[in-house]
């Protein structure tokens, strides 16, 4: 068997893997373009809703049919009584929507019960590690009916990397109102929760705050990277084929 024949079969044998790799790179680039459009839509919608004045919380009869895509980040007003003895601490490594949060700490999730018995879980705000215990912020445990303004949010999705919640030590790693309510014996709660914006409780803790849209949108750069790698693959493979044909002028067939 002569050397040119080996070379011909060598690059022909890599043609299909090269085509598959090219297809994968182009698909990844296209996926990033789609993600870019999705992210821009999310930023636009959330910015518009967060800038609008608060409206009344949707009635309980409508909760089961609310569409997250249309309702999340809507500012609302609601009145009820906090059940502070059933509050939960959710680990907070930081927030893209709360630039005022100084660092690692906890979100304080507390059930708010309405006069008709319905319950919405409320993220009352941020507490640093040294004030996570309710006794360290007793003045902020406001009793009696209270009207608040907040933003509707939907539960976090749990990933493979999410630590297991530790209900025994009142520590949670996902903002999941149904799971917290079940562990606390609250009963049925709304499928969403509310991020409290105001008022700030006495003593300033927990620290509520207005959400600000600050989402990273680097999908165009990622798309250019994937498309660029696909182009490099084509150029390199074409140069290799050209070099092989120079060695064997009869071509590959």
Protein backbone atom coordinates (compact mmCIF):
# COMPACT_ATOMS: atom_id res chain seq x y z
CA UNK A 1 0.00 0.00 0.00
CA UNK A 2 1.54 3.34 -1.02
CA UNK A 3 1.70 6.49 1.11
CA UNK A 4 -0.62 8.70 -1.05
CA UNK A 5 -3.48 6.19 -0.73
CA UNK A 6 -3.08 6.18 3.02
CA UNK A 7 -3.21 9.98 3.07
CA UNK A 8 -6.36 10.04 0.88
CA UNK A 9 -8.18 7.64 3.16
CA UNK A 10 -6.91 9.54 6.20
CA UNK A 11 -8.63 12.86 5.46
CA UNK A 12 -11.71 11.19 3.96
CA UNK A 13 -12.09 9.20 7.16
CA UNK A 14 -12.15 12.45 9.14
CA UNK A 15 -14.70 14.15 6.89
CA UNK A 16 -17.77 12.82 8.70
CA UNK A 17 -16.45 13.64 12.23
CA UNK A 18 -15.51 17.11 10.97
CA UNK A 19 -19.01 17.63 9.56
CA UNK A 20 -20.56 16.48 12.83
CA UNK A 21 -18.34 18.83 14.83
CA UNK A 22 -19.16 21.68 12.44
CA UNK A 23 -22.88 21.02 12.92
CA UNK A 24 -22.49 21.00 16.70
CA UNK A 25 -20.61 24.32 16.71
CA UNK A 26 -23.19 25.97 14.45
CA UNK A 27 -26.02 24.60 16.61
CA UNK A 28 -24.38 26.01 19.75
CA UNK A 29 -24.02 29.40 18.09
CA UNK A 30 -27.66 29.37 16.99
CA UNK A 31 -28.76 28.35 20.49
CA UNK A 32 -26.92 31.36 21.90
CA UNK A 33 -28.70 33.65 19.43
CA UNK A 34 -32.02 32.22 20.62
CA UNK A 35 -30.94 32.69 24.24
CA UNK A 36 -30.03 36.31 23.42
CA UNK A 37 -33.55 36.98 22.11
CA UNK A 38 -35.06 35.30 25.20
CA UNK A 39 -32.84 37.29 27.58
CA UNK A 40 -33.63 40.59 25.85
CA UNK A 41 -37.34 39.82 26.10
CA UNK A 42 -36.99 39.00 29.80
CA UNK A 43 -35.04 42.20 30.49
CA UNK A 44 -37.56 44.31 28.60
CA UNK A 45 -40.60 42.75 30.28
CA UNK A 46 -39.16 42.80 33.79
CA UNK A 47 -37.94 46.41 33.41
CA UNK A 48 -41.41 47.52 32.30
CA UNK A 49 -43.19 45.69 35.12
CA UNK A 50 -40.80 46.85 37.82
CA UNK A 51 -41.27 50.46 36.70
CA UNK A 52 -45.09 50.25 36.85
CA UNK A 53 -47.04 51.31 39.96
CA UNK A 54 -48.16 48.46 42.25
CA UNK A 55 -51.60 46.94 41.74
CA UNK A 56 -53.76 44.71 43.90
CA UNK A 57 -52.60 41.12 44.30
CA UNK A 58 -54.58 38.82 41.98
CA UNK A 59 -57.50 37.13 43.78
CA UNK A 60 -56.87 33.68 45.21
CA UNK A 61 -59.33 32.11 42.77
CA UNK A 62 -57.00 33.09 39.92
CA UNK A 63 -53.73 31.87 41.47
CA UNK A 64 -53.75 28.40 39.94
CA UNK A 65 -54.14 29.82 36.42
CA UNK A 66 -51.55 32.60 36.59
CA UNK A 67 -48.97 32.51 33.81
CA UNK A 68 -45.44 33.05 35.10
CA UNK A 69 -44.32 34.58 31.79
CA UNK A 70 -46.99 37.28 32.09
CA UNK A 71 -47.04 37.86 35.84
CA UNK A 72 -43.51 37.51 37.20
CA UNK A 73 -41.92 40.81 38.33
CA UNK A 74 -45.32 42.47 38.63
CA UNK A 75 -45.45 44.90 41.57
CA UNK A 76 -48.38 44.29 43.91
CA UNK A 77 -49.95 45.46 47.16
CA UNK A 78 -51.20 43.00 49.78
CA UNK A 79 -52.39 43.09 53.38
CA UNK A 80 -52.19 40.36 55.96
CA UNK A 81 -50.54 39.14 59.13
CA UNK A 82 -47.06 37.65 59.23
CA UNK A 83 -46.67 34.33 61.03
CA UNK A 84 -43.19 34.98 62.33
CA UNK A 85 -42.99 31.70 64.24
CA UNK A 86 -42.99 29.91 60.87
CA UNK A 87 -40.30 31.93 59.11
CA UNK A 88 -37.57 30.16 57.11
CA UNK A 89 -34.02 31.20 56.24
CA UNK A 90 -32.99 30.79 52.61
CA UNK A 91 -29.27 31.00 51.87
CA UNK A 92 -28.47 34.12 49.81
CA UNK A 93 -25.09 34.16 48.01
CA UNK A 94 -26.03 37.46 46.36
CA UNK A 95 -28.64 38.69 43.92
CA UNK A 96 -28.67 40.02 40.36
CA UNK A 97 -31.83 41.95 41.27
CA UNK A 98 -30.73 43.38 44.62
CA UNK A 99 -27.52 45.42 44.18
CA UNK A 100 -28.07 46.81 47.68
CA UNK A 101 -27.43 43.39 49.25
CA UNK A 102 -23.89 43.59 50.66
CA UNK A 103 -22.84 39.94 50.46
CA UNK A 104 -23.61 36.46 51.69
CA UNK A 105 -26.48 36.11 54.12
CA UNK A 106 -30.07 34.88 54.23
CA UNK A 107 -33.51 35.72 52.86
CA UNK A 108 -36.24 35.65 55.48
CA UNK A 109 -39.30 33.86 54.09
CA UNK A 110 -42.41 34.34 56.21
CA UNK A 111 -46.01 33.26 55.59
CA UNK A 112 -48.49 36.15 55.31
CA UNK A 113 -52.01 35.03 56.13
CA UNK A 114 -54.99 36.97 54.80
CA UNK A 115 -58.28 37.49 56.60
CA UNK A 116 -59.87 34.70 54.52
CA UNK A 117 -57.20 32.20 55.61
CA UNK A 118 -55.26 32.18 52.34
CA UNK A 119 -51.48 32.36 52.59
CA UNK A 120 -48.75 33.90 50.44
CA UNK A 121 -45.10 33.33 51.26
CA UNK A 122 -43.20 36.63 51.48
CA UNK A 123 -39.48 37.17 51.18
CA UNK A 124 -39.24 39.93 53.77
CA UNK A 125 -35.67 40.75 52.84
CA UNK A 126 -32.00 40.15 53.57
CA UNK A 127 -30.30 39.51 56.91
CA UNK A 128 -26.54 39.14 57.49
CA UNK A 129 -25.30 35.96 59.21
CA UNK A 130 -25.00 37.63 62.61
CA UNK A 131 -28.70 38.56 62.60
CA UNK A 132 -30.24 35.46 61.11
CA UNK A 133 -31.85 34.44 64.40
CA UNK A 134 -35.20 36.13 65.05
CA UNK A 135 -34.09 37.09 68.57
CA UNK A 136 -31.32 39.27 67.07
CA UNK A 137 -33.92 41.39 65.21
CA UNK A 138 -36.95 41.19 67.49
CA UNK A 139 -38.00 44.78 66.77
CA UNK A 140 -38.49 43.85 63.10
CA UNK A 141 -41.02 41.08 63.88
CA UNK A 142 -43.99 43.35 63.34
CA UNK A 143 -47.25 41.99 64.81
CA UNK A 144 -50.78 42.48 63.53
CA UNK A 145 -52.16 43.30 60.08
CA UNK A 146 -49.75 45.05 57.74
CA UNK A 147 -49.91 46.31 54.16
CA UNK A 148 -46.82 45.76 52.06
CA UNK A 149 -45.67 46.43 48.51
CA UNK A 150 -43.67 43.76 46.72
CA UNK A 151 -42.94 41.93 43.50
CA UNK A 152 -44.39 38.61 42.38
CA UNK A 153 -41.77 35.89 41.87
CA UNK A 154 -41.92 32.19 41.05
CA UNK A 155 -40.00 29.37 42.82
CA UNK A 156 -36.40 28.52 41.99
CA UNK A 157 -35.69 25.41 40.00
CA UNK A 158 -33.56 22.87 41.82
CA UNK A 159 -30.37 21.87 40.00
CA UNK A 160 -27.98 18.95 40.52
CA UNK A 161 -25.70 21.37 42.37
CA UNK A 162 -28.31 22.65 44.84
CA UNK A 163 -27.49 21.50 48.38
CA UNK A 164 -30.16 19.56 50.22
CA UNK A 165 -32.47 21.75 52.31
CA UNK A 166 -32.04 21.31 56.06
CA UNK A 167 -35.50 21.85 57.51
CA UNK A 168 -34.36 20.62 60.94
CA UNK A 169 -32.03 23.63 61.19
CA UNK A 170 -34.41 25.99 59.35
CA UNK A 171 -31.98 26.36 56.44
CA UNK A 172 -33.06 26.26 52.78
CA UNK A 173 -31.13 26.58 49.55
CA UNK A 174 -33.96 27.15 47.08
CA UNK A 175 -36.75 29.70 47.20
CA UNK A 176 -39.59 27.20 47.12
CA UNK A 177 -42.66 28.45 49.02
CA UNK A 178 -44.56 25.16 48.77
CA UNK A 179 -41.69 23.13 50.24
CA UNK A 180 -41.16 25.64 53.05
CA UNK A 181 -44.89 25.76 53.83
CA UNK A 182 -45.10 21.96 53.95
CA UNK A 183 -42.17 21.73 56.36
CA UNK A 184 -43.61 24.48 58.58
CA UNK A 185 -47.15 23.09 58.61
CA UNK A 186 -48.56 26.25 57.06
CA UNK A 187 -50.91 24.48 54.68
CA UNK A 188 -51.56 25.40 51.07
CA UNK A 189 -49.85 28.54 49.79
CA UNK A 190 -49.86 30.54 46.57
CA UNK A 191 -47.74 29.05 43.74
CA UNK A 192 -45.68 32.26 43.72
CA UNK A 193 -44.05 34.29 46.46
CA UNK A 194 -43.68 38.04 46.95
CA UNK A 195 -40.39 39.91 47.30
CA UNK A 196 -41.15 42.65 49.83
CA UNK A 197 -40.15 46.12 48.72
CA UNK A 198 -41.65 48.23 51.51
CA UNK A 199 -42.14 49.14 54.27
CA UNK A 200 -38.82 48.64 56.03
CA UNK A 201 -39.42 47.11 59.48
CA UNK A 202 -38.24 48.80 62.68
CA UNK A 203 -34.51 48.28 63.08
CA UNK A 204 -34.09 47.84 59.32
CA UNK A 205 -33.86 44.08 59.49
CA UNK A 206 -34.83 42.10 57.46
CA UNK A 207 -33.78 44.52 54.74
CA UNK A 208 -36.40 44.70 51.96
CA UNK A 209 -35.67 46.51 48.73
CA UNK A 210 -36.85 47.33 45.25
CA UNK A 211 -35.73 44.91 42.59
CA UNK A 212 -33.46 46.27 39.86
CA UNK A 213 -32.92 44.53 36.51
CA UNK A 214 -29.24 43.69 36.25
CA UNK A 215 -29.05 40.54 34.16
CA UNK A 216 -25.94 39.64 32.21
CA UNK A 217 -26.52 39.34 28.47
CA UNK A 218 -23.34 38.01 26.86
CA UNK A 219 -25.02 35.58 24.48
CA UNK A 220 -23.90 37.47 21.36
CA UNK A 221 -20.25 37.05 22.37
CA UNK A 222 -20.83 33.36 22.99
CA UNK A 223 -22.55 32.98 19.60
CA UNK A 224 -19.66 34.71 17.83
CA UNK A 225 -17.24 32.38 19.61
CA UNK A 226 -19.08 29.22 18.49
CA UNK A 227 -19.54 30.46 14.92
CA UNK A 228 -15.90 31.53 14.86
CA UNK A 229 -14.76 28.06 15.92
CA UNK A 230 -16.92 26.56 13.14
CA UNK A 231 -15.23 28.84 10.61
CA UNK A 232 -11.77 27.94 11.93
CA UNK A 233 -12.65 24.25 11.59
CA UNK A 234 -13.63 24.77 7.94
CA UNK A 235 -10.44 26.71 7.15
CA UNK A 236 -8.15 24.21 8.88
CA UNK A 237 -9.84 21.18 7.31
CA UNK A 238 -9.80 22.77 3.84
CA UNK A 239 -6.10 23.57 4.19
CA UNK A 240 -5.38 19.98 5.22
CA UNK A 241 -7.35 18.59 2.26
CA UNK A 242 -5.52 20.94 -0.10
CA UNK A 243 -2.19 19.80 1.29
CA UNK A 244 -3.19 16.14 0.81
CA UNK A 245 -4.21 16.76 -2.81
CA UNK A 246 -0.86 18.37 -3.53
CA UNK A 247 0.85 15.22 -2.34
CA UNK A 248 -1.38 13.09 -4.60
CA UNK A 249 -2.35 15.12 -7.73
CA UNK A 250 -4.77 12.36 -8.81
CA UNK A 251 -7.18 13.54 -6.12
CA UNK A 252 -9.03 11.46 -3.58
CA UNK A 253 -10.86 9.18 -6.06
